[in-house]
C-alpha atoms as a PDB file:
ATOM      1  CA  MET A   1    -102.178  54.969 212.663  1.00  0.00           C
ATOM      2  CA  THR A   2    -104.398  58.025 213.005  1.00  0.00           C
ATOM      3  CA  ILE A   3    -105.651  60.833 215.215  1.00  0.00           C
ATOM      4  CA  SER A   4    -107.463  59.304 218.194  1.00  0.00           C
ATOM      5  CA  GLU A   5    -107.725  62.062 220.801  1.00  0.00           C
ATOM      6  CA  PRO A   6    -111.197  63.552 221.480  1.00  0.00           C
ATOM      7  CA  PHE A   7    -112.071  67.163 220.696  1.00  0.00           C
ATOM      8  CA  ASN A   8    -114.414  68.673 223.275  1.00  0.00           C
ATOM      9  CA  PRO A   9    -114.437  72.473 223.108  1.00  0.00           C
ATOM     10  CA  PRO A  10    -116.178  74.473 225.861  1.00  0.00           C
ATOM     11  CA  LEU A  11    -119.805  75.432 225.280  1.00  0.00           C
ATOM     12  CA  TYR A  12    -118.939  78.967 224.169  1.00  0.00           C
ATOM     13  CA  LEU A  13    -116.839  77.551 221.295  1.00  0.00           C
ATOM     14  CA  ARG A  14    -119.307  75.024 219.906  1.00  0.00           C
ATOM     15  CA  ASN A  15    -120.994  77.233 217.351  1.00  0.00           C
ATOM     16  CA  PRO A  16    -119.834  75.928 213.937  1.00  0.00           C
ATOM     17  CA  ARG A  17    -119.787  79.348 212.281  1.00  0.00           C
ATOM     18  CA  LEU A  18    -117.758  80.807 215.135  1.00  0.00           C
ATOM     19  CA  GLN A  19    -115.308  77.940 214.772  1.00  0.00           C
ATOM     20  CA  THR A  20    -115.133  78.562 211.027  1.00  0.00           C
ATOM     21  CA  PHE A  21    -114.412  82.277 211.330  1.00  0.00           C
ATOM     22  CA  LEU A  22    -111.916  81.808 214.179  1.00  0.00           C
ATOM     23  CA  ALA A  23    -109.843  79.559 211.901  1.00  0.00           C
ATOM     24  CA  SER A  24    -108.827  82.705 209.980  1.00  0.00           C
ATOM     25  CA  PHE A  25    -108.872  85.153 212.913  1.00  0.00           C
ATOM     26  CA  LYS A  26    -105.579  87.039 212.590  1.00  0.00           C
ATOM     27  CA  MET A  27    -104.986  87.452 216.318  1.00  0.00           C
ATOM     28  CA  ARG A  28    -104.470  83.695 216.601  1.00  0.00           C
ATOM     29  CA  ALA A  29    -101.227  84.074 214.675  1.00  0.00           C
ATOM     30  CA  ALA A  30     -99.896  86.843 216.943  1.00  0.00           C
ATOM     31  CA  GLY A  31     -96.612  86.389 218.750  1.00  0.00           C
ATOM     32  CA  ARG A  32     -93.223  85.098 217.746  1.00  0.00           C
ATOM     33  CA  ASN A  33     -93.150  82.565 214.963  1.00  0.00           C
ATOM     34  CA  PRO A  34     -89.731  80.990 214.319  1.00  0.00           C
ATOM     35  CA  MET A  35     -91.070  79.415 211.124  1.00  0.00           C
ATOM     36  CA  LEU A  36     -91.662  82.887 209.678  1.00  0.00           C
ATOM     37  CA  ASP A  37     -88.305  84.127 210.968  1.00  0.00           C
ATOM     38  CA  ASP A  38     -86.516  81.324 209.134  1.00  0.00           C
ATOM     39  CA  SER A  39     -88.627  81.363 205.952  1.00  0.00           C
ATOM     40  CA  ARG A  40     -87.427  82.424 202.543  1.00  0.00           C
ATOM     41  CA  ARG A  41     -89.647  82.953 199.530  1.00  0.00           C
ATOM     42  CA  ILE A  42     -88.981  80.966 196.400  1.00  0.00           C
ATOM     43  CA  ILE A  43     -90.703  80.543 193.053  1.00  0.00           C
ATOM     44  CA  LEU A  44     -91.082  76.990 191.798  1.00  0.00           C
ATOM     45  CA  GLU A  45     -91.402  76.536 188.062  1.00  0.00           C
ATOM     46  CA  THR A  46     -93.232  73.406 186.988  1.00  0.00           C
ATOM     47  CA  ASP A  47     -92.433  71.253 183.972  1.00  0.00           C
ATOM     48  CA  ARG A  48     -95.035  73.222 181.995  1.00  0.00           C
ATOM     49  CA  GLY A  49     -93.646  76.626 182.939  1.00  0.00           C
ATOM     50  CA  VAL A  50     -96.190  77.514 185.638  1.00  0.00           C
ATOM     51  CA  ARG A  51     -94.643  79.602 188.414  1.00  0.00           C
ATOM     52  CA  LEU A  52     -95.877  79.149 191.972  1.00  0.00           C
ATOM     53  CA  LEU A  53     -94.865  81.323 194.922  1.00  0.00           C
ATOM     54  CA  CYS A  54     -93.814  79.355 198.002  1.00  0.00           C
ATOM     55  CA  ALA A  55     -92.121  79.808 201.372  1.00  0.00           C
ATOM     56  CA  TYR A  56     -89.534  77.406 202.751  1.00  0.00           C
ATOM     57  CA  ALA A  57     -88.315  77.301 206.368  1.00  0.00           C
ATOM     58  CA  LYS A  58     -85.342  75.045 207.056  1.00  0.00           C
ATOM     59  CA  GLN A  59     -84.329  74.145 210.604  1.00  0.00           C
ATOM     60  CA  LYS A  60     -81.328  76.260 211.610  1.00  0.00           C
ATOM     61  CA  ARG A  61     -80.300  74.681 214.895  1.00  0.00           C
ATOM     62  CA  LEU A  62     -80.892  70.945 214.434  1.00  0.00           C
ATOM     63  CA  ARG A  63     -81.268  68.254 211.806  1.00  0.00           C
ATOM     64  CA  ALA A  64     -84.898  68.188 210.708  1.00  0.00           C
ATOM     65  CA  LYS A  65     -86.985  65.078 211.377  1.00  0.00           C
ATOM     66  CA  GLY A  66     -88.607  65.513 207.990  1.00  0.00           C
ATOM     67  CA  LEU A  67     -90.365  68.004 205.740  1.00  0.00           C
ATOM     68  CA  VAL A  68     -94.027  69.047 205.966  1.00  0.00           C
ATOM     69  CA  ILE A  69     -95.754  70.688 202.983  1.00  0.00           C
ATOM     70  CA  LEU A  70     -98.894  72.773 203.639  1.00  0.00           C
ATOM     71  CA  ILE A  71    -101.565  73.754 201.080  1.00  0.00           C
ATOM     72  CA  HIS A  72    -104.105  76.450 201.997  1.00  0.00           C
ATOM     73  CA  GLY A  73    -107.788  76.647 201.067  1.00  0.00           C
ATOM     74  CA  TRP A  74    -109.605  78.606 198.361  1.00  0.00           C
ATOM     75  CA  GLU A  75    -108.819  82.334 198.550  1.00  0.00           C
ATOM     76  CA  GLY A  76    -106.444  81.675 201.403  1.00  0.00           C
ATOM     77  CA  SER A  77    -102.681  81.774 201.057  1.00  0.00           C
ATOM     78  CA  ALA A  78     -99.414  80.564 202.500  1.00  0.00           C
ATOM     79  CA  ASP A  79     -99.838  83.375 205.037  1.00  0.00           C
ATOM     80  CA  SER A  80    -103.375  82.483 206.147  1.00  0.00           C
ATOM     81  CA  THR A  81    -103.783  82.315 209.916  1.00  0.00           C
ATOM     82  CA  TYR A  82    -104.381  78.550 210.027  1.00  0.00           C
ATOM     83  CA  ILE A  83    -101.301  77.958 207.848  1.00  0.00           C
ATOM     84  CA  ARG A  84     -99.121  80.193 210.028  1.00  0.00           C
ATOM     85  CA  THR A  85    -100.238  78.615 213.303  1.00  0.00           C
ATOM     86  CA  THR A  86    -100.066  75.049 212.012  1.00  0.00           C
ATOM     87  CA  GLY A  87     -96.666  75.726 210.485  1.00  0.00           C
ATOM     88  CA  ARG A  88     -95.439  77.244 213.743  1.00  0.00           C
ATOM     89  CA  ALA A  89     -96.488  74.165 215.732  1.00  0.00           C
ATOM     90  CA  ILE A  90     -94.860  71.778 213.265  1.00  0.00           C
ATOM     91  CA  TYR A  91     -91.647  73.801 212.874  1.00  0.00           C
ATOM     92  CA  ARG A  92     -91.204  74.042 216.637  1.00  0.00           C
ATOM     93  CA  ARG A  93     -91.313  70.251 216.801  1.00  0.00           C
ATOM     94  CA  GLY A  94     -88.305  69.899 214.519  1.00  0.00           C
ATOM     95  CA  TYR A  95     -89.639  69.674 210.963  1.00  0.00           C
ATOM     96  CA  ASP A  96     -88.731  71.750 207.936  1.00  0.00           C
ATOM     97  CA  LEU A  97     -91.794  73.567 206.628  1.00  0.00           C
ATOM     98  CA  PHE A  98     -92.834  74.303 203.042  1.00  0.00           C
ATOM     99  CA  ARG A  99     -95.880  76.514 202.356  1.00  0.00           C
ATOM    100  CA  LEU A 100     -97.296  76.415 198.836  1.00  0.00           C
ATOM    101  CA  ASN A 101     -99.392  79.171 197.288  1.00  0.00           C
ATOM    102  CA  LEU A 102    -101.812  77.899 194.678  1.00  0.00           C
ATOM    103  CA  ARG A 103    -101.857  79.896 191.444  1.00  0.00           C
ATOM    104  CA  ASP A 104    -103.412  83.382 191.904  1.00  0.00           C
ATOM    105  CA  HIS A 105    -103.288  83.082 195.703  1.00  0.00           C
ATOM    106  CA  GLY A 106    -101.187  85.249 197.951  1.00  0.00           C
ATOM    107  CA  PRO A 107     -99.152  87.908 196.114  1.00  0.00           C
ATOM    108  CA  SER A 108     -98.717  85.726 193.025  1.00  0.00           C
ATOM    109  CA  HIS A 109    -101.333  86.872 190.484  1.00  0.00           C
ATOM    110  CA  HIS A 110     -98.656  88.406 188.254  1.00  0.00           C
ATOM    111  CA  LEU A 111     -96.659  85.184 187.892  1.00  0.00           C
ATOM    112  CA  ASN A 112     -98.938  83.430 185.371  1.00  0.00           C
ATOM    113  CA  ARG A 113    -101.159  84.826 182.645  1.00  0.00           C
ATOM    114  CA  GLY A 114    -103.664  81.983 182.963  1.00  0.00           C
ATOM    115  CA  LEU A 115    -106.310  81.893 185.691  1.00  0.00           C
ATOM    116  CA  PHE A 116    -106.460  79.567 188.672  1.00  0.00           C
ATOM    117  CA  TYR A 117    -108.845  76.624 188.460  1.00  0.00           C
ATOM    118  CA  ALA A 118    -109.227  73.860 191.019  1.00  0.00           C
ATOM    119  CA  THR A 119    -108.849  71.351 188.184  1.00  0.00           C
ATOM    120  CA  LEU A 120    -105.173  72.297 187.716  1.00  0.00           C
ATOM    121  CA  LEU A 121    -103.856  69.283 189.611  1.00  0.00           C
ATOM    122  CA  GLU A 122    -100.768  68.616 187.519  1.00  0.00           C
ATOM    123  CA  GLU A 123     -99.009  71.845 188.511  1.00  0.00           C
ATOM    124  CA  VAL A 124     -99.750  71.285 192.206  1.00  0.00           C
ATOM    125  CA  HIS A 125     -98.504  67.700 192.050  1.00  0.00           C
ATOM    126  CA  ASP A 126     -95.313  68.856 190.331  1.00  0.00           C
ATOM    127  CA  ALA A 127     -94.787  71.580 192.957  1.00  0.00           C
ATOM    128  CA  VAL A 128     -95.214  69.014 195.751  1.00  0.00           C
ATOM    129  CA  ARG A 129     -92.729  66.730 193.965  1.00  0.00           C
ATOM    130  CA  GLN A 130     -90.153  69.510 193.735  1.00  0.00           C
ATOM    131  CA  ALA A 131     -90.729  70.560 197.336  1.00  0.00           C
ATOM    132  CA  ALA A 132     -90.332  66.948 198.504  1.00  0.00           C
ATOM    133  CA  MET A 133     -86.873  66.856 196.935  1.00  0.00           C
ATOM    134  CA  MET A 134     -85.832  69.641 199.317  1.00  0.00           C
ATOM    135  CA  GLY A 135     -86.290  67.174 202.167  1.00  0.00           C
ATOM    136  CA  GLU A 136     -82.910  65.668 201.189  1.00  0.00           C
ATOM    137  CA  GLY A 137     -84.204  62.109 201.450  1.00  0.00           C
ATOM    138  CA  ARG A 138     -85.975  62.550 204.773  1.00  0.00           C
ATOM    139  CA  PRO A 139     -89.670  61.652 205.167  1.00  0.00           C
ATOM    140  CA  VAL A 140     -92.149  64.129 203.665  1.00  0.00           C
ATOM    141  CA  PHE A 141     -95.702  64.798 204.858  1.00  0.00           C
ATOM    142  CA  LEU A 142     -98.390  66.716 202.994  1.00  0.00           C
ATOM    143  CA  ALA A 143    -101.288  68.518 204.704  1.00  0.00           C
ATOM    144  CA  GLY A 144    -104.066  70.455 202.999  1.00  0.00           C
ATOM    145  CA  PHE A 145    -106.982  72.494 204.282  1.00  0.00           C
ATOM    146  CA  SER A 146    -110.443  72.756 202.680  1.00  0.00           C
ATOM    147  CA  LEU A 147    -109.748  73.050 198.928  1.00  0.00           C
ATOM    148  CA  GLY A 148    -106.099  72.397 199.818  1.00  0.00           C
ATOM    149  CA  GLY A 149    -107.269  69.158 201.424  1.00  0.00           C
ATOM    150  CA  ASN A 150    -109.003  68.253 198.183  1.00  0.00           C
ATOM    151  CA  PHE A 151    -105.747  68.946 196.318  1.00  0.00           C
ATOM    152  CA  ALA A 152    -103.745  66.898 198.850  1.00  0.00           C
ATOM    153  CA  LEU A 153    -105.994  63.863 198.371  1.00  0.00           C
ATOM    154  CA  ARG A 154    -105.849  64.219 194.576  1.00  0.00           C
ATOM    155  CA  VAL A 155    -102.053  64.499 194.742  1.00  0.00           C
ATOM    156  CA  ALA A 156    -102.060  61.253 196.733  1.00  0.00           C
ATOM    157  CA  ARG A 157    -104.328  59.653 194.120  1.00  0.00           C
ATOM    158  CA  ARG A 158    -102.042  60.808 191.296  1.00  0.00           C
ATOM    159  CA  CYS A 159     -99.103  59.240 193.139  1.00  0.00           C
ATOM    160  CA  VAL A 160    -100.531  55.841 192.185  1.00  0.00           C
ATOM    161  CA  THR A 161     -99.203  56.511 188.672  1.00  0.00           C
ATOM    162  CA  HIS A 162     -96.791  59.423 189.303  1.00  0.00           C
ATOM    163  CA  ASP A 163     -94.956  58.507 192.486  1.00  0.00           C
ATOM    164  CA  ILE A 164     -93.325  60.990 194.869  1.00  0.00           C
ATOM    165  CA  PRO A 165     -90.954  58.558 196.629  1.00  0.00           C
ATOM    166  CA  GLN A 166     -90.310  60.641 199.751  1.00  0.00           C
ATOM    167  CA  LEU A 167     -94.005  61.282 200.489  1.00  0.00           C
ATOM    168  CA  ARG A 168     -95.045  59.217 203.515  1.00  0.00           C
ATOM    169  CA  HIS A 169     -98.474  60.453 204.607  1.00  0.00           C
ATOM    170  CA  VAL A 170    -101.201  62.906 203.583  1.00  0.00           C
ATOM    171  CA  VAL A 171    -103.531  64.784 205.943  1.00  0.00           C
ATOM    172  CA  ALA A 172    -106.703  66.492 204.686  1.00  0.00           C
ATOM    173  CA  ILE A 173    -108.441  68.887 207.099  1.00  0.00           C
ATOM    174  CA  SER A 174    -112.093  69.601 206.190  1.00  0.00           C
ATOM    175  CA  PRO A 175    -111.432  68.704 202.534  1.00  0.00           C
ATOM    176  CA  VAL A 176    -113.920  69.729 199.856  1.00  0.00           C
ATOM    177  CA  LEU A 177    -115.473  66.535 198.499  1.00  0.00           C
ATOM    178  CA  ASP A 178    -118.383  67.899 196.462  1.00  0.00           C
ATOM    179  CA  PRO A 179    -117.673  71.508 195.405  1.00  0.00           C
ATOM    180  CA  ASP A 180    -121.131  71.751 193.858  1.00  0.00           C
ATOM    181  CA  LYS A 181    -122.796  71.205 197.246  1.00  0.00           C
ATOM    182  CA  ALA A 182    -120.210  73.345 199.010  1.00  0.00           C
ATOM    183  CA  THR A 183    -120.975  76.266 196.703  1.00  0.00           C
ATOM    184  CA  ASP A 184    -124.690  76.009 197.421  1.00  0.00           C
ATOM    185  CA  ARG A 185    -123.970  75.957 201.146  1.00  0.00           C
ATOM    186  CA  ILE A 186    -121.746  79.033 200.904  1.00  0.00           C
ATOM    187  CA  ASP A 187    -124.386  80.890 198.890  1.00  0.00           C
ATOM    188  CA  ALA A 188    -127.084  79.972 201.444  1.00  0.00           C
ATOM    189  CA  ASP A 189    -125.186  81.490 204.388  1.00  0.00           C
ATOM    190  CA  ARG A 190    -125.123  85.277 204.246  1.00  0.00           C
ATOM    191  CA  LEU A 191    -122.019  85.732 206.400  1.00  0.00           C
ATOM    192  CA  ILE A 192    -119.953  82.995 204.779  1.00  0.00           C
ATOM    193  CA  LEU A 193    -121.010  84.167 201.314  1.00  0.00           C
ATOM    194  CA  ALA A 194    -119.985  87.753 202.100  1.00  0.00           C
ATOM    195  CA  TYR A 195    -116.587  86.563 203.359  1.00  0.00           C
ATOM    196  CA  PHE A 196    -115.715  84.462 200.301  1.00  0.00           C
ATOM    197  CA  ARG A 197    -117.260  86.820 197.756  1.00  0.00           C
ATOM    198  CA  ARG A 198    -115.254  89.750 199.105  1.00  0.00           C
ATOM    199  CA  LYS A 199    -112.006  87.798 198.981  1.00  0.00           C
ATOM    200  CA  TRP A 200    -112.665  86.434 195.491  1.00  0.00           C
ATOM    201  CA  ALA A 201    -113.627  89.866 194.139  1.00  0.00           C
ATOM    202  CA  ARG A 202    -110.382  91.308 195.469  1.00  0.00           C
ATOM    203  CA  SER A 203    -108.419  88.448 193.886  1.00  0.00           C
ATOM    204  CA  LEU A 204    -110.096  88.908 190.492  1.00  0.00           C
ATOM    205  CA  LEU A 205    -109.383  92.648 190.538  1.00  0.00           C
ATOM    206  CA  THR A 206    -105.745  91.923 191.357  1.00  0.00           C
ATOM    207  CA  LYS A 207    -105.517  89.536 188.413  1.00  0.00           C
ATOM    208  CA  GLN A 208    -107.187  92.086 186.132  1.00  0.00           C
ATOM    209  CA  GLY A 209    -104.694  94.717 187.293  1.00  0.00           C
ATOM    210  CA  ALA A 210    -101.796  92.409 186.480  1.00  0.00           C
ATOM    211  CA  PHE A 211    -103.147  91.576 182.988  1.00  0.00           C
ATOM    212  CA  PRO A 212    -105.510  94.422 182.007  1.00  0.00           C
ATOM    213  CA  LEU A 213    -105.476  93.515 178.308  1.00  0.00           C
ATOM    214  CA  ASP A 214    -106.566  89.937 179.025  1.00  0.00           C
ATOM    215  CA  TYR A 215    -109.254  90.271 181.669  1.00  0.00           C
ATOM    216  CA  ASP A 216    -112.256  92.401 182.527  1.00  0.00           C
ATOM    217  CA  PHE A 217    -114.069  90.912 185.508  1.00  0.00           C
ATOM    218  CA  ARG A 218    -116.381  93.844 186.152  1.00  0.00           C
ATOM    219  CA  PRO A 219    -119.511  91.976 184.956  1.00  0.00           C
ATOM    220  CA  ALA A 220    -118.718  89.078 187.302  1.00  0.00           C
ATOM    221  CA  LEU A 221    -118.294  91.436 190.243  1.00  0.00           C
ATOM    222  CA  SER A 222    -121.866  92.658 189.792  1.00  0.00           C
ATOM    223  CA  LEU A 223    -123.210  89.157 190.479  1.00  0.00           C
ATOM    224  CA  SER A 224    -124.359  88.276 193.967  1.00  0.00           C
ATOM    225  CA  THR A 225    -123.493  84.598 194.489  1.00  0.00           C
ATOM    226  CA  ILE A 226    -120.459  82.352 194.091  1.00  0.00           C
ATOM    227  CA  ARG A 227    -122.503  80.113 191.772  1.00  0.00           C
ATOM    228  CA  GLU A 228    -123.342  83.006 189.416  1.00  0.00           C
ATOM    229  CA  MET A 229    -119.774  84.296 189.404  1.00  0.00           C
ATOM    230  CA  THR A 230    -118.419  80.811 188.716  1.00  0.00           C
ATOM    231  CA  ASP A 231    -120.849  80.257 185.834  1.00  0.00           C
ATOM    232  CA  TRP A 232    -119.833  83.600 184.317  1.00  0.00           C
ATOM    233  CA  LEU A 233    -116.125  82.759 184.480  1.00  0.00           C
ATOM    234  CA  ILE A 234    -116.527  79.159 183.332  1.00  0.00           C
ATOM    235  CA  SER A 235    -118.564  80.157 180.285  1.00  0.00           C
ATOM    236  CA  ARG A 236    -116.000  82.733 179.144  1.00  0.00           C
ATOM    237  CA  HIS A 237    -112.644  81.289 180.112  1.00  0.00           C
ATOM    238  CA  THR A 238    -112.921  77.464 180.001  1.00  0.00           C
ATOM    239  CA  ASP A 239    -114.260  74.613 177.913  1.00  0.00           C
ATOM    240  CA  PHE A 240    -116.612  73.428 180.670  1.00  0.00           C
ATOM    241  CA  SER A 241    -120.314  73.757 179.888  1.00  0.00           C
ATOM    242  CA  ASP A 242    -121.201  75.221 183.279  1.00  0.00           C
ATOM    243  CA  SER A 243    -120.208  75.300 186.933  1.00  0.00           C
ATOM    244  CA  ARG A 244    -121.654  71.839 187.635  1.00  0.00           C
ATOM    245  CA  ALA A 245    -119.442  70.238 184.996  1.00  0.00           C
ATOM    246  CA  TYR A 246    -116.441  72.154 186.354  1.00  0.00           C
ATOM    247  CA  PHE A 247    -117.156  71.129 189.959  1.00  0.00           C
ATOM    248  CA  HIS A 248    -117.648  67.512 188.951  1.00  0.00           C
ATOM    249  CA  ALA A 249    -114.143  67.477 187.453  1.00  0.00           C
ATOM    250  CA  TYR A 250    -112.497  67.769 190.876  1.00  0.00           C
ATOM    251  CA  SER A 251    -115.073  66.224 193.199  1.00  0.00           C
ATOM    252  CA  LEU A 252    -114.009  63.352 195.470  1.00  0.00           C
ATOM    253  CA  LEU A 253    -117.133  61.342 196.173  1.00  0.00           C
ATOM    254  CA  LYS A 254    -117.777  57.724 197.157  1.00  0.00           C
ATOM    255  CA  GLY A 255    -114.967  55.605 195.638  1.00  0.00           C
ATOM    256  CA  ALA A 256    -112.883  58.439 194.162  1.00  0.00           C
ATOM    257  CA  ILE A 257    -109.947  57.876 196.524  1.00  0.00           C
ATOM    258  CA  PHE A 258    -110.411  54.170 197.200  1.00  0.00           C
ATOM    259  CA  ASP A 259    -107.208  53.229 195.364  1.00  0.00           C
ATOM    260  CA  LEU A 260    -104.793  55.381 197.394  1.00  0.00           C
ATOM    261  CA  ASN A 261    -101.526  53.557 198.022  1.00  0.00           C
ATOM    262  CA  LEU A 262    -100.203  56.298 200.319  1.00  0.00           C
ATOM    263  CA  SER A 263    -101.405  56.352 203.896  1.00  0.00           C
ATOM    264  CA  ALA A 264    -103.773  59.252 204.566  1.00  0.00           C
ATOM    265  CA  THR A 265    -105.830  60.796 207.339  1.00  0.00           C
ATOM    266  CA  ILE A 266    -109.020  62.767 206.685  1.00  0.00           C
ATOM    267  CA  LEU A 267    -110.285  64.977 209.512  1.00  0.00           C
ATOM    268  CA  THR A 268    -113.656  66.730 209.465  1.00  0.00           C
ATOM    269  CA  ALA A 269    -116.386  67.992 211.795  1.00  0.00           C
ATOM    270  CA  ALA A 270    -119.981  66.780 211.732  1.00  0.00           C
ATOM    271  CA  ASP A 271    -121.116  70.397 212.125  1.00  0.00           C
ATOM    272  CA  ASP A 272    -119.075  71.801 209.209  1.00  0.00           C
ATOM    273  CA  PRO A 273    -121.324  74.508 207.673  1.00  0.00           C
ATOM    274  CA  ILE A 274    -119.710  74.155 204.223  1.00  0.00           C
ATOM    275  CA  ILE A 275    -118.956  70.449 203.691  1.00  0.00           C
ATOM    276  CA  PRO A 276    -121.827  68.052 204.571  1.00  0.00           C
ATOM    277  CA  VAL A 277    -120.706  65.204 206.812  1.00  0.00           C
ATOM    278  CA  SER A 278    -122.865  62.764 204.832  1.00  0.00           C
ATOM    279  CA  ASP A 279    -120.363  62.978 201.957  1.00  0.00           C
ATOM    280  CA  PHE A 280    -117.619  61.706 204.266  1.00  0.00           C
ATOM    281  CA  ARG A 281    -119.752  58.866 205.577  1.00  0.00           C
ATOM    282  CA  ASP A 282    -120.445  57.775 202.011  1.00  0.00           C
ATOM    283  CA  LEU A 283    -116.735  57.542 201.137  1.00  0.00           C
ATOM    284  CA  ARG A 284    -115.356  54.139 200.227  1.00  0.00           C
ATOM    285  CA  LEU A 285    -111.862  53.917 201.692  1.00  0.00           C
ATOM    286  CA  ASN A 286    -109.200  51.237 201.711  1.00  0.00           C
ATOM    287  CA  ARG A 287    -107.064  50.319 204.725  1.00  0.00           C
ATOM    288  CA  ASN A 288    -104.489  53.011 203.916  1.00  0.00           C
ATOM    289  CA  THR A 289    -106.935  55.838 204.670  1.00  0.00           C
ATOM    290  CA  ARG A 290    -108.367  56.771 208.059  1.00  0.00           C
ATOM    291  CA  LEU A 291    -111.429  58.985 208.433  1.00  0.00           C
ATOM    292  CA  VAL A 292    -111.759  60.987 211.673  1.00  0.00           C
ATOM    293  CA  ILE A 293    -115.080  62.761 212.310  1.00  0.00           C
ATOM    294  CA  ARG A 294    -115.483  64.935 215.384  1.00  0.00           C
ATOM    295  CA  ARG A 295    -118.839  66.309 216.540  1.00  0.00           C
ATOM    296  CA  TYR A 296    -117.634  69.924 216.700  1.00  0.00           C
ATOM    297  CA  GLY A 297    -115.065  71.993 214.852  1.00  0.00           C
ATOM    298  CA  GLY A 298    -116.799  73.874 212.042  1.00  0.00           C
ATOM    299  CA  HIS A 299    -114.803  74.283 208.830  1.00  0.00           C
ATOM    300  CA  ILE A 300    -111.044  73.918 209.545  1.00  0.00           C
ATOM    301  CA  GLY A 301    -111.705  75.446 212.979  1.00  0.00           C
ATOM    302  CA  PHE A 302    -111.223  73.010 215.874  1.00  0.00           C
ATOM    303  CA  ILE A 303    -110.477  75.874 218.281  1.00  0.00           C
ATOM    304  CA  GLU A 304    -110.204  74.307 221.712  1.00  0.00           C
ATOM    305  CA  ASN A 305    -109.968  77.013 224.406  1.00  0.00           C
ATOM    306  CA  TYR A 306    -110.093  80.707 225.288  1.00  0.00           C
ATOM    307  CA  ARG A 307    -106.511  81.127 224.081  1.00  0.00           C
ATOM    308  CA  LEU A 308    -107.847  80.197 220.613  1.00  0.00           C
ATOM    309  CA  SER A 309    -105.339  77.404 220.162  1.00  0.00           C
ATOM    310  CA  CYS A 310    -106.133  74.783 217.538  1.00  0.00           C
ATOM    311  CA  TRP A 311    -106.622  71.159 218.558  1.00  0.00           C
ATOM    312  CA  TYR A 312    -105.504  69.475 215.339  1.00  0.00           C
ATOM    313  CA  GLU A 313    -102.089  71.143 215.232  1.00  0.00           C
ATOM    314  CA  ASN A 314    -100.542  69.023 217.994  1.00  0.00           C
ATOM    315  CA  GLN A 315    -102.554  66.012 216.843  1.00  0.00           C
ATOM    316  CA  MET A 316    -100.990  66.329 213.408  1.00  0.00           C
ATOM    317  CA  VAL A 317     -97.448  66.658 214.738  1.00  0.00           C
ATOM    318  CA  GLY A 318     -97.988  63.707 217.041  1.00  0.00           C
ATOM    319  CA  LEU A 319     -99.196  61.661 214.066  1.00  0.00           C
ATOM    320  CA  PHE A 320     -96.084  62.552 212.055  1.00  0.00           C
ATOM    321  CA  ASP A 321     -93.827  61.686 215.003  1.00  0.00           C
ATOM    322  CA  ARG A 322     -95.489  58.284 215.388  1.00  0.00           C
ATOM    323  CA  LEU A 323     -95.187  57.573 211.663  1.00  0.00           C
ATOM    324  CA  LEU A 324     -91.434  58.238 211.885  1.00  0.00           C
END
């Protein structure tokens, strides 16, 4: 069972970079959001003492159909526009909603002395496990976006040996498969590079402010590309030899997710300016995983009309309803 509806945006919304930037356009999240009204912030502590800031919205007026856990992308947060709008659509359809901040994302830099790395799967898996227990035995669904989609698929892969019994289905929207290629693509696009570099620089300065005796990122902030900044950080704060070795450690290429025993849906756009569609076509998938490629959509965009509503939000809820 998967997403089968077509996505055909009007001509004025077919530019992939426009789609990509509209995904995070704040005005899309304007208006009343009952998910936000009913949310409370909590801090999950993992088995290894890592603290992650999260938001949990429990249905107030009816018994929830299930629980949906959302994971944002790199340098996004639980309050990113696409998380807020997706959460709103899902919550309105009768699901409890759990939004997870990855380490050093959102207002959480002060919670852990160590830095965020995309290789830190164990703490994310443990947070998803703890969040799933809040579903009180009801079905749990996990959805991730971009780097969050990469995490969601790796959580599903880890469930082969570390099961999360309540977890029924995983959705990955525009997941990063080869971070090495994605970094080169970001660095090659002036506008996308400026967007991510600005957000990362702000995040690093926030971390430095929280732990001034541990970190001085000023040399990294003088570098002009994501690749250079990553190499600087990797060489000084990890055991990886360089950025390529680091990226390889969390890539999901070819047969990397072939053994999933959870059902999963992967959604991407052929015109994604960050993640090449060829990587998706080269994936080896078993019958539990469905790959959906649409011609348009950019990177986690899929904006479908002048009201800037997002096509995959209702598709996702409909998928969860059918799986129930």
